[in-house]
């Protein structure tokens, strides 16, 4: 009969395989298409509502001027600072903060990682650290489009994105 040496089954003529498995193959193709559509939809949804973290302060200042928004500087040690990692996990990556930031802020990550970093970025980050007199991580500094400091938070903010957004709003109102 049909089969290969070693007891393998299902190696009959191609016509038999095609006719026997056609409904199954159609179902798999339909499922694959549906799954891809869902994943694409999720990806687009997350991109639309997600705020973008810049690393170029000059580009951030230009965007802030154009959109009439303040800049939030996040001085962080992204790969070694426990409180920075926790702040990112508990607030900065949450939907509430992402949506708020996308509408109200220009975000800049000023990172001091242990892993290698391009020399130009390292130099630019050090200059910002010196300019805003940052001594610990995480430190968040809200600045105007011109770079004037409007508010500062040194350390982790408990209470999730709601508490952090409330603090930023406090600084924005005080600056008006």
Protein backbone atom coordinates (compact mmCIF):
# COMPACT_ATOMS: atom_id res chain seq x y z
CA UNK A 1 0.00 0.00 0.00
CA UNK A 2 0.73 3.59 0.51
CA UNK A 3 3.62 4.46 2.78
CA UNK A 4 7.34 4.75 3.09
CA UNK A 5 9.90 2.47 4.66
CA UNK A 6 10.10 2.92 8.39
CA UNK A 7 6.35 3.04 8.86
CA UNK A 8 5.73 6.61 7.70
CA UNK A 9 2.24 7.08 6.33
CA UNK A 10 0.79 9.79 4.12
CA UNK A 11 3.36 9.64 1.31
CA UNK A 12 0.90 8.40 -1.28
CA UNK A 13 0.41 10.10 -4.59
CA UNK A 14 0.12 13.88 -4.57
CA UNK A 15 -3.49 13.77 -5.73
CA UNK A 16 -4.52 11.76 -2.68
CA UNK A 17 -2.75 14.15 -0.31
CA UNK A 18 -4.25 17.20 -2.00
CA UNK A 19 -7.77 15.89 -1.98
CA UNK A 20 -7.55 14.51 1.54
CA UNK A 21 -6.04 17.60 3.11
CA UNK A 22 -7.56 20.38 1.01
CA UNK A 23 -10.22 21.43 3.60
CA UNK A 24 -7.59 21.41 6.34
CA UNK A 25 -5.15 23.47 4.26
CA UNK A 26 -7.89 26.00 3.40
CA UNK A 27 -8.72 26.31 7.10
CA UNK A 28 -5.04 26.92 7.98
CA UNK A 29 -4.68 29.59 5.29
CA UNK A 30 -7.84 31.33 6.55
CA UNK A 31 -6.60 31.18 10.17
CA UNK A 32 -3.17 32.50 9.16
CA UNK A 33 -4.75 35.42 7.30
CA UNK A 34 -7.02 36.22 10.26
CA UNK A 35 -4.15 36.07 12.75
CA UNK A 36 -1.98 38.33 10.59
CA UNK A 37 -4.84 40.84 10.25
CA UNK A 38 -5.32 40.88 14.04
CA UNK A 39 -1.60 41.35 14.68
CA UNK A 40 -1.39 44.17 12.15
CA UNK A 41 -4.41 45.83 13.73
CA UNK A 42 -2.85 45.59 17.20
CA UNK A 43 0.46 46.95 15.94
CA UNK A 44 -1.22 49.94 14.28
CA UNK A 45 -3.35 50.64 17.35
CA UNK A 46 -0.33 50.64 19.64
CA UNK A 47 1.65 52.88 17.27
CA UNK A 48 -1.15 55.44 16.91
CA UNK A 49 -1.54 55.94 20.67
CA UNK A 50 2.13 55.52 21.58
CA UNK A 51 4.38 58.43 22.41
CA UNK A 52 7.82 58.44 20.81
CA UNK A 53 10.95 58.83 22.94
CA UNK A 54 13.56 60.95 21.17
CA UNK A 55 17.26 61.03 22.00
CA UNK A 56 18.12 64.25 20.13
CA UNK A 57 17.40 67.26 22.35
CA UNK A 58 17.68 69.81 19.52
CA UNK A 59 15.15 67.86 17.42
CA UNK A 60 12.91 67.65 20.49
CA UNK A 61 13.11 71.44 20.99
CA UNK A 62 12.12 71.99 17.35
CA UNK A 63 9.15 69.58 17.71
CA UNK A 64 8.14 71.25 20.98
CA UNK A 65 8.15 74.69 19.34
CA UNK A 66 6.17 73.43 16.34
CA UNK A 67 3.54 71.66 18.50
CA UNK A 68 3.58 74.15 21.41
CA UNK A 69 4.37 71.45 23.98
CA UNK A 70 6.83 71.12 26.84
CA UNK A 71 9.62 68.54 26.79
CA UNK A 72 9.94 65.81 29.41
CA UNK A 73 13.54 64.76 29.90
CA UNK A 74 14.01 61.30 31.44
CA UNK A 75 17.52 60.95 32.86
CA UNK A 76 17.89 57.21 33.27
CA UNK A 77 20.24 54.29 33.60
CA UNK A 78 18.02 52.06 31.46
CA UNK A 79 19.95 48.81 31.87
CA UNK A 80 21.18 49.03 35.46
CA UNK A 81 19.08 51.47 37.54
CA UNK A 82 16.39 49.45 39.34
CA UNK A 83 14.14 52.46 40.07
CA UNK A 84 14.44 53.64 36.45
CA UNK A 85 13.42 50.21 35.17
CA UNK A 86 10.53 50.09 37.63
CA UNK A 87 9.35 53.60 36.68
CA UNK A 88 9.39 52.63 33.03
CA UNK A 89 7.44 49.42 33.75
CA UNK A 90 4.96 50.96 36.21
CA UNK A 91 4.24 54.27 34.45
CA UNK A 92 6.08 55.22 31.28
CA UNK A 93 5.00 52.21 29.20
CA UNK A 94 1.40 52.19 30.42
CA UNK A 95 -1.38 53.13 28.01
CA UNK A 96 -2.57 56.08 30.13
CA UNK A 97 0.87 57.73 30.14
CA UNK A 98 1.54 56.93 26.48
CA UNK A 99 -1.74 58.53 25.39
CA UNK A 100 -1.24 61.57 27.64
CA UNK A 101 2.34 62.07 26.43
CA UNK A 102 1.39 61.68 22.76
CA UNK A 103 -1.05 64.59 23.12
CA UNK A 104 0.79 66.82 25.59
CA UNK A 105 4.56 66.29 25.64
CA UNK A 106 7.70 65.80 23.63
CA UNK A 107 9.64 62.97 25.28
CA UNK A 108 13.42 62.72 25.46
CA UNK A 109 15.32 59.82 26.98
CA UNK A 110 18.70 60.89 28.33
CA UNK A 111 20.25 57.50 28.97
CA UNK A 112 23.41 56.54 30.83
CA UNK A 113 23.50 52.79 30.20
CA UNK A 114 26.28 50.38 31.12
CA UNK A 115 26.11 48.91 27.63
CA UNK A 116 27.99 50.63 24.83
CA UNK A 117 26.52 53.85 23.48
CA UNK A 118 27.64 55.94 20.48
CA UNK A 119 30.21 58.55 21.56
CA UNK A 120 28.17 61.47 20.18
CA UNK A 121 25.08 60.37 22.16
CA UNK A 122 27.13 59.87 25.31
CA UNK A 123 28.60 63.39 24.94
CA UNK A 124 25.17 64.96 24.27
CA UNK A 125 23.64 63.17 27.27
CA UNK A 126 26.50 64.29 29.53
CA UNK A 127 26.00 67.89 28.39
CA UNK A 128 22.28 67.70 29.29
CA UNK A 129 23.11 66.11 32.65
CA UNK A 130 25.48 69.01 33.39
CA UNK A 131 23.08 71.68 32.09
CA UNK A 132 20.21 70.48 34.28
CA UNK A 133 22.46 69.55 37.23
CA UNK A 134 21.26 65.94 37.45
CA UNK A 135 22.82 63.93 40.26
CA UNK A 136 20.66 60.80 40.49
CA UNK A 137 18.45 58.46 38.49
CA UNK A 138 15.71 58.51 37.57
CA UNK A 139 15.36 62.27 37.29
CA UNK A 140 12.57 63.80 35.23
CA UNK A 141 12.84 67.42 34.17
CA UNK A 142 10.01 69.21 32.37
CA UNK A 143 11.34 72.03 30.21
CA UNK A 144 9.87 74.58 27.81
CA UNK A 145 10.59 74.44 24.08
CA UNK A 146 13.40 76.91 24.80
CA UNK A 147 14.89 74.62 27.46
CA UNK A 148 13.76 76.53 30.58
CA UNK A 149 13.09 74.21 33.52
CA UNK A 150 9.42 74.04 34.55
CA UNK A 151 9.50 71.16 37.05
CA UNK A 152 11.63 68.34 38.40
CA UNK A 153 11.14 64.93 39.98
CA UNK A 154 14.10 63.07 41.42
CA UNK A 155 13.39 59.38 41.99
CA UNK A 156 10.55 56.97 41.45
CA UNK A 157 6.95 58.22 41.47
CA UNK A 158 4.60 55.78 43.22
CA UNK A 159 0.98 55.56 42.12
CA UNK A 160 1.36 54.61 38.47
CA UNK A 161 0.80 56.79 35.44
CA UNK A 162 -2.05 58.73 37.07
CA UNK A 163 0.22 60.06 39.83
CA UNK A 164 3.01 60.92 37.39
CA UNK A 165 0.63 62.68 35.00
CA UNK A 166 -0.82 64.68 37.93
CA UNK A 167 2.71 65.82 38.86
CA UNK A 168 3.47 66.89 35.27
CA UNK A 169 0.15 68.76 35.09
CA UNK A 170 1.07 70.56 38.34
CA UNK A 171 4.32 71.77 36.77
CA UNK A 172 2.55 72.82 33.55
CA UNK A 173 -0.05 74.87 35.46
CA UNK A 174 2.59 76.51 37.66
CA UNK A 175 4.52 77.55 34.54
CA UNK A 176 1.55 79.42 33.00
